[in-house]
Amino acid sequence: MCEIAKSRERIGKIEIKRIKRKIDEIERKEVRLLDEMLSDKVPKDVYERIQRQFSQEKRALEARLATLEIDYKEPLDFLDKCILISSMLLYLHKRFNFEQKKTLLKAVFKRIYVKNKAIVDVELNPPFSILLGDNIKRLFKNPPSRGTEEDIFEQFLRFSFSGKFLILREYIGQIFSYPVLRHLKKAA
């Protein structure tokens, strides 16, 4: 995922420069158009029509620019912490008190399905669904497919802009504040 993020940042930087040049060009054209309208070279109705076109084009470019100016650091830091937690679930579960275990469960599981006092299925929260998916496949029938690396990256990126990400980030932060993980804070 880090390699995909780096690749996208490289490609994004090139496109960002191109878009910024295009926006600057539109702004120069807007100024020229205004000058021509003020000097009576362009009728007001023509000015307004062309100005609307410039504004629409500029809004579209600015929207595209907003999608390219993504800071991947926070989602990838969150992913690193989730990887660490995934690798030590049993260790954490054995050492956590009841409240800490509840926080751990809320962070990892979206839903746990129980029938006759037995767990019959689970849904994991992202990115645990990606990290632990192969292990879950061995426990349950018909697990969902994971997709390509790009698909997984897209799913994770979309998740990192959701409200659920903020909630899970809070749970992960709480988990990393527990004394059991005090020595691991620097690593994460």
C-alpha atoms as a PDB file:
ATOM      1  CA  MET A   1       0.000   0.000   0.000  1.00  0.00           C
ATOM      2  CA  CYS A   2       2.894   2.324   0.684  1.00  0.00           C
ATOM      3  CA  GLU A   3       4.215   1.706  -2.832  1.00  0.00           C
ATOM      4  CA  ILE A   4       0.783   2.401  -4.341  1.00  0.00           C
ATOM      5  CA  ALA A   5       0.535   5.625  -2.295  1.00  0.00           C
ATOM      6  CA  LYS A   6       4.021   6.723  -3.429  1.00  0.00           C
ATOM      7  CA  SER A   7       3.161   5.981  -7.045  1.00  0.00           C
ATOM      8  CA  ARG A   8      -0.072   7.946  -6.795  1.00  0.00           C
ATOM      9  CA  GLU A   9       1.720  10.849  -5.154  1.00  0.00           C
ATOM     10  CA  ARG A  10       4.263  10.959  -8.007  1.00  0.00           C
ATOM     11  CA  ILE A  11       1.549  10.838 -10.662  1.00  0.00           C
ATOM     12  CA  GLY A  12      -0.583  13.281  -8.666  1.00  0.00           C
ATOM     13  CA  LYS A  13       2.221  15.858  -8.428  1.00  0.00           C
ATOM     14  CA  ILE A  14       2.521  15.940 -12.212  1.00  0.00           C
ATOM     15  CA  GLU A  15      -1.228  16.306 -12.688  1.00  0.00           C
ATOM     16  CA  ILE A  16      -1.453  18.906  -9.898  1.00  0.00           C
ATOM     17  CA  LYS A  17       1.106  21.067 -11.698  1.00  0.00           C
ATOM     18  CA  ARG A  18      -0.828  20.726 -14.952  1.00  0.00           C
ATOM     19  CA  ILE A  19      -4.130  21.620 -13.303  1.00  0.00           C
ATOM     20  CA  LYS A  20      -2.641  24.618 -11.486  1.00  0.00           C
ATOM     21  CA  ARG A  21      -1.218  25.904 -14.786  1.00  0.00           C
ATOM     22  CA  LYS A  22      -4.652  25.484 -16.395  1.00  0.00           C
ATOM     23  CA  ILE A  23      -6.348  27.357 -13.506  1.00  0.00           C
ATOM     24  CA  ASP A  24      -3.800  30.187 -13.822  1.00  0.00           C
ATOM     25  CA  GLU A  25      -4.450  30.316 -17.557  1.00  0.00           C
ATOM     26  CA  ILE A  26      -8.229  30.548 -16.973  1.00  0.00           C
ATOM     27  CA  GLU A  27      -7.729  33.317 -14.420  1.00  0.00           C
ATOM     28  CA  ARG A  28      -5.597  35.285 -16.910  1.00  0.00           C
ATOM     29  CA  LYS A  29      -8.324  34.822 -19.535  1.00  0.00           C
ATOM     30  CA  GLU A  30     -10.937  36.023 -17.029  1.00  0.00           C
ATOM     31  CA  VAL A  31      -8.946  39.190 -16.366  1.00  0.00           C
ATOM     32  CA  ARG A  32      -8.508  39.832 -20.116  1.00  0.00           C
ATOM     33  CA  LEU A  33     -12.215  39.218 -20.706  1.00  0.00           C
ATOM     34  CA  LEU A  34     -13.132  41.648 -17.921  1.00  0.00           C
ATOM     35  CA  ASP A  35     -10.774  44.276 -19.367  1.00  0.00           C
ATOM     36  CA  GLU A  36     -12.340  43.838 -22.798  1.00  0.00           C
ATOM     37  CA  MET A  37     -15.849  44.121 -21.383  1.00  0.00           C
ATOM     38  CA  LEU A  38     -14.925  47.252 -19.409  1.00  0.00           C
ATOM     39  CA  SER A  39     -13.397  48.822 -22.527  1.00  0.00           C
ATOM     40  CA  ASP A  40     -16.612  48.030 -24.477  1.00  0.00           C
ATOM     41  CA  LYS A  41     -14.897  45.531 -26.795  1.00  0.00           C
ATOM     42  CA  VAL A  42     -17.143  42.681 -25.561  1.00  0.00           C
ATOM     43  CA  PRO A  43     -20.886  43.058 -24.868  1.00  0.00           C
ATOM     44  CA  LYS A  44     -21.985  42.306 -21.299  1.00  0.00           C
ATOM     45  CA  ASP A  45     -24.140  39.288 -22.277  1.00  0.00           C
ATOM     46  CA  VAL A  46     -21.189  37.717 -24.128  1.00  0.00           C
ATOM     47  CA  TYR A  47     -18.956  38.455 -21.140  1.00  0.00           C
ATOM     48  CA  GLU A  48     -21.394  36.761 -18.733  1.00  0.00           C
ATOM     49  CA  ARG A  49     -21.748  33.675 -20.943  1.00  0.00           C
ATOM     50  CA  ILE A  50     -17.983  33.240 -21.353  1.00  0.00           C
ATOM     51  CA  GLN A  51     -17.398  34.018 -17.677  1.00  0.00           C
ATOM     52  CA  ARG A  52     -19.851  31.236 -16.696  1.00  0.00           C
ATOM     53  CA  GLN A  53     -17.919  28.803 -18.907  1.00  0.00           C
ATOM     54  CA  PHE A  54     -14.640  29.849 -17.295  1.00  0.00           C
ATOM     55  CA  SER A  55     -16.169  29.470 -13.806  1.00  0.00           C
ATOM     56  CA  GLN A  56     -17.529  26.000 -14.574  1.00  0.00           C
ATOM     57  CA  GLU A  57     -14.219  24.852 -16.001  1.00  0.00           C
ATOM     58  CA  LYS A  58     -12.317  26.303 -13.038  1.00  0.00           C
ATOM     59  CA  ARG A  59     -14.669  24.622 -10.495  1.00  0.00           C
ATOM     60  CA  ALA A  60     -14.190  21.274 -12.246  1.00  0.00           C
ATOM     61  CA  LEU A  61     -10.405  21.698 -12.174  1.00  0.00           C
ATOM     62  CA  GLU A  62     -10.451  22.721  -8.505  1.00  0.00           C
ATOM     63  CA  ALA A  63     -12.590  19.689  -7.650  1.00  0.00           C
ATOM     64  CA  ARG A  64     -10.112  17.421  -9.439  1.00  0.00           C
ATOM     65  CA  LEU A  65      -7.264  19.191  -7.648  1.00  0.00           C
ATOM     66  CA  ALA A  66      -8.912  18.478  -4.276  1.00  0.00           C
ATOM     67  CA  THR A  67      -9.044  14.761  -5.100  1.00  0.00           C
ATOM     68  CA  LEU A  68      -5.356  14.745  -5.997  1.00  0.00           C
ATOM     69  CA  GLU A  69      -4.076  16.659  -2.983  1.00  0.00           C
ATOM     70  CA  ILE A  70      -4.437  13.723  -0.613  1.00  0.00           C
ATOM     71  CA  ASP A  71      -2.157  13.289   2.374  1.00  0.00           C
ATOM     72  CA  TYR A  72      -1.623   9.547   2.672  1.00  0.00           C
ATOM     73  CA  LYS A  73       0.374   9.826   5.917  1.00  0.00           C
ATOM     74  CA  GLU A  74      -2.497   9.593   8.431  1.00  0.00           C
ATOM     75  CA  PRO A  75      -4.274   6.627   6.779  1.00  0.00           C
ATOM     76  CA  LEU A  76      -0.963   4.768   6.386  1.00  0.00           C
ATOM     77  CA  ASP A  77       0.031   5.464  10.021  1.00  0.00           C
ATOM     78  CA  PHE A  78      -3.365   4.131  11.077  1.00  0.00           C
ATOM     79  CA  LEU A  79      -2.772   1.054   8.896  1.00  0.00           C
ATOM     80  CA  ASP A  80       0.624   0.464  10.553  1.00  0.00           C
ATOM     81  CA  LYS A  81      -1.022   0.482  13.982  1.00  0.00           C
ATOM     82  CA  CYS A  82      -3.721  -1.895  12.790  1.00  0.00           C
ATOM     83  CA  ILE A  83      -1.073  -4.252  11.390  1.00  0.00           C
ATOM     84  CA  LEU A  84       0.669  -4.261  14.753  1.00  0.00           C
ATOM     85  CA  ILE A  85      -2.594  -4.922  16.597  1.00  0.00           C
ATOM     86  CA  SER A  86      -3.507  -7.688  14.104  1.00  0.00           C
ATOM     87  CA  SER A  87      -0.222  -9.410  14.749  1.00  0.00           C
ATOM     88  CA  MET A  88      -0.751  -9.444  18.516  1.00  0.00           C
ATOM     89  CA  LEU A  89      -4.494 -10.020  18.980  1.00  0.00           C
ATOM     90  CA  LEU A  90      -4.119 -13.073  21.195  1.00  0.00           C
ATOM     91  CA  TYR A  91      -1.394 -11.404  23.282  1.00  0.00           C
ATOM     92  CA  LEU A  92      -3.537  -8.296  23.784  1.00  0.00           C
ATOM     93  CA  HIS A  93      -6.686 -10.276  24.523  1.00  0.00           C
ATOM     94  CA  LYS A  94      -4.911 -12.255  27.257  1.00  0.00           C
ATOM     95  CA  ARG A  95      -3.475  -9.163  28.939  1.00  0.00           C
ATOM     96  CA  PHE A  96      -6.306  -6.627  28.599  1.00  0.00           C
ATOM     97  CA  ASN A  97      -8.909  -6.051  31.263  1.00  0.00           C
ATOM     98  CA  PHE A  98     -12.632  -6.277  30.409  1.00  0.00           C
ATOM     99  CA  GLU A  99     -13.004  -2.642  29.224  1.00  0.00           C
ATOM    100  CA  GLN A 100      -9.837  -2.845  27.138  1.00  0.00           C
ATOM    101  CA  LYS A 101     -11.081  -6.065  25.532  1.00  0.00           C
ATOM    102  CA  LYS A 102     -14.348  -4.316  24.624  1.00  0.00           C
ATOM    103  CA  THR A 103     -12.393  -1.511  22.928  1.00  0.00           C
ATOM    104  CA  LEU A 104     -10.302  -4.073  21.068  1.00  0.00           C
ATOM    105  CA  LEU A 105     -13.438  -5.898  19.877  1.00  0.00           C
ATOM    106  CA  LYS A 106     -15.050  -2.621  18.730  1.00  0.00           C
ATOM    107  CA  ALA A 107     -11.908  -1.750  16.784  1.00  0.00           C
ATOM    108  CA  VAL A 108     -11.567  -5.116  15.051  1.00  0.00           C
ATOM    109  CA  PHE A 109     -15.126  -6.351  14.532  1.00  0.00           C
ATOM    110  CA  LYS A 110     -17.954  -4.644  12.713  1.00  0.00           C
ATOM    111  CA  ARG A 111     -20.405  -7.409  13.664  1.00  0.00           C
ATOM    112  CA  ILE A 112     -20.274 -10.750  15.422  1.00  0.00           C
ATOM    113  CA  TYR A 113     -23.095 -13.163  14.616  1.00  0.00           C
ATOM    114  CA  VAL A 114     -24.083 -15.556  17.364  1.00  0.00           C
ATOM    115  CA  LYS A 115     -26.489 -18.476  17.170  1.00  0.00           C
ATOM    116  CA  ASN A 116     -27.184 -20.788  20.122  1.00  0.00           C
ATOM    117  CA  LYS A 117     -24.368 -19.124  22.089  1.00  0.00           C
ATOM    118  CA  ALA A 118     -21.809 -19.855  19.363  1.00  0.00           C
ATOM    119  CA  ILE A 119     -20.153 -17.435  16.964  1.00  0.00           C
ATOM    120  CA  VAL A 120     -21.303 -18.400  13.478  1.00  0.00           C
ATOM    121  CA  ASP A 121     -19.885 -15.504  11.465  1.00  0.00           C
ATOM    122  CA  VAL A 122     -18.078 -12.189  11.822  1.00  0.00           C
ATOM    123  CA  GLU A 123     -17.642  -8.985   9.865  1.00  0.00           C
ATOM    124  CA  LEU A 124     -14.359  -7.205  10.395  1.00  0.00           C
ATOM    125  CA  ASN A 125     -13.822  -3.464  10.271  1.00  0.00           C
ATOM    126  CA  PRO A 126     -11.448  -2.130   7.642  1.00  0.00           C
ATOM    127  CA  PRO A 127      -8.502  -2.552   7.507  1.00  0.00           C
ATOM    128  CA  PHE A 128      -8.767  -5.659   9.685  1.00  0.00           C
ATOM    129  CA  SER A 129     -10.988  -7.174   6.982  1.00  0.00           C
ATOM    130  CA  ILE A 130      -7.989  -6.920   4.653  1.00  0.00           C
ATOM    131  CA  LEU A 131      -5.334  -7.892   7.193  1.00  0.00           C
ATOM    132  CA  LEU A 132      -7.154 -10.843   8.752  1.00  0.00           C
ATOM    133  CA  GLY A 133      -9.296 -11.874   5.787  1.00  0.00           C
ATOM    134  CA  ASP A 134      -7.252 -14.947   4.927  1.00  0.00           C
ATOM    135  CA  ASN A 135      -7.491 -16.260   8.489  1.00  0.00           C
ATOM    136  CA  ILE A 136     -11.241 -15.668   8.590  1.00  0.00           C
ATOM    137  CA  LYS A 137     -11.596 -17.570   5.289  1.00  0.00           C
ATOM    138  CA  ARG A 138     -10.423 -20.720   7.037  1.00  0.00           C
ATOM    139  CA  LEU A 139     -13.137 -20.377   9.664  1.00  0.00           C
ATOM    140  CA  PHE A 140     -16.189 -19.571   7.539  1.00  0.00           C
ATOM    141  CA  LYS A 141     -17.704 -20.642   4.245  1.00  0.00           C
ATOM    142  CA  ASN A 142     -18.078 -18.303   1.236  1.00  0.00           C
ATOM    143  CA  PRO A 143     -15.854 -15.392   2.362  1.00  0.00           C
ATOM    144  CA  PRO A 144     -15.810 -12.314   0.088  1.00  0.00           C
ATOM    145  CA  SER A 145     -12.945 -12.000  -2.381  1.00  0.00           C
ATOM    146  CA  ARG A 146     -10.245  -9.470  -1.541  1.00  0.00           C
ATOM    147  CA  GLY A 147      -9.577  -8.010  -4.994  1.00  0.00           C
ATOM    148  CA  THR A 148      -6.373  -6.660  -6.508  1.00  0.00           C
ATOM    149  CA  GLU A 149      -3.864  -4.588  -4.556  1.00  0.00           C
ATOM    150  CA  GLU A 150      -5.232  -1.453  -6.246  1.00  0.00           C
ATOM    151  CA  ASP A 151      -8.800  -2.448  -5.279  1.00  0.00           C
ATOM    152  CA  ILE A 152      -7.733  -3.010  -1.683  1.00  0.00           C
ATOM    153  CA  PHE A 153      -5.910   0.329  -1.633  1.00  0.00           C
ATOM    154  CA  GLU A 154      -9.000   2.100  -3.020  1.00  0.00           C
ATOM    155  CA  GLN A 155     -11.235   0.444  -0.413  1.00  0.00           C
ATOM    156  CA  PHE A 156      -8.878   1.474   2.359  1.00  0.00           C
ATOM    157  CA  LEU A 157      -8.539   5.006   1.044  1.00  0.00           C
ATOM    158  CA  ARG A 158     -12.320   5.450   0.777  1.00  0.00           C
ATOM    159  CA  PHE A 159     -12.644   4.083   4.296  1.00  0.00           C
ATOM    160  CA  SER A 160     -10.042   6.556   5.617  1.00  0.00           C
ATOM    161  CA  PHE A 161     -12.310   9.450   4.573  1.00  0.00           C
ATOM    162  CA  SER A 162     -15.400   8.015   6.284  1.00  0.00           C
ATOM    163  CA  GLY A 163     -16.868   8.745   9.672  1.00  0.00           C
ATOM    164  CA  LYS A 164     -16.198   5.133  10.698  1.00  0.00           C
ATOM    165  CA  PHE A 165     -12.456   5.798  10.231  1.00  0.00           C
ATOM    166  CA  LEU A 166     -12.583   8.532  12.883  1.00  0.00           C
ATOM    167  CA  ILE A 167     -14.322   6.204  15.341  1.00  0.00           C
ATOM    168  CA  LEU A 168     -11.883   3.344  14.719  1.00  0.00           C
ATOM    169  CA  ARG A 169      -8.911   5.718  14.892  1.00  0.00           C
ATOM    170  CA  GLU A 170     -10.142   6.679  18.372  1.00  0.00           C
ATOM    171  CA  TYR A 171     -10.368   3.004  19.432  1.00  0.00           C
ATOM    172  CA  ILE A 172      -6.901   2.302  18.051  1.00  0.00           C
ATOM    173  CA  GLY A 173      -5.576   5.361  19.907  1.00  0.00           C
ATOM    174  CA  GLN A 174      -7.125   4.071  23.131  1.00  0.00           C
ATOM    175  CA  ILE A 175      -5.566   0.650  22.596  1.00  0.00           C
ATOM    176  CA  PHE A 176      -2.149   2.242  22.116  1.00  0.00           C
ATOM    177  CA  SER A 177      -2.584   4.216  25.346  1.00  0.00           C
ATOM    178  CA  TYR A 178      -2.877   1.037  27.436  1.00  0.00           C
ATOM    179  CA  PRO A 179       0.148   0.159  29.590  1.00  0.00           C
ATOM    180  CA  VAL A 180       0.500  -3.234  27.858  1.00  0.00           C
ATOM    181  CA  LEU A 181       1.481  -1.388  24.672  1.00  0.00           C
ATOM    182  CA  ARG A 182       3.501   1.439  26.225  1.00  0.00           C
ATOM    183  CA  HIS A 183       6.778   0.025  24.863  1.00  0.00           C
ATOM    184  CA  LEU A 184       5.283  -0.252  21.347  1.00  0.00           C
ATOM    185  CA  LYS A 185       4.197   3.396  20.970  1.00  0.00           C
ATOM    186  CA  LYS A 186       7.557   4.369  19.490  1.00  0.00           C
ATOM    187  CA  ALA A 187       7.390   1.539  16.949  1.00  0.00           C
ATOM    188  CA  ALA A 188       3.949   2.592  15.755  1.00  0.00           C
END
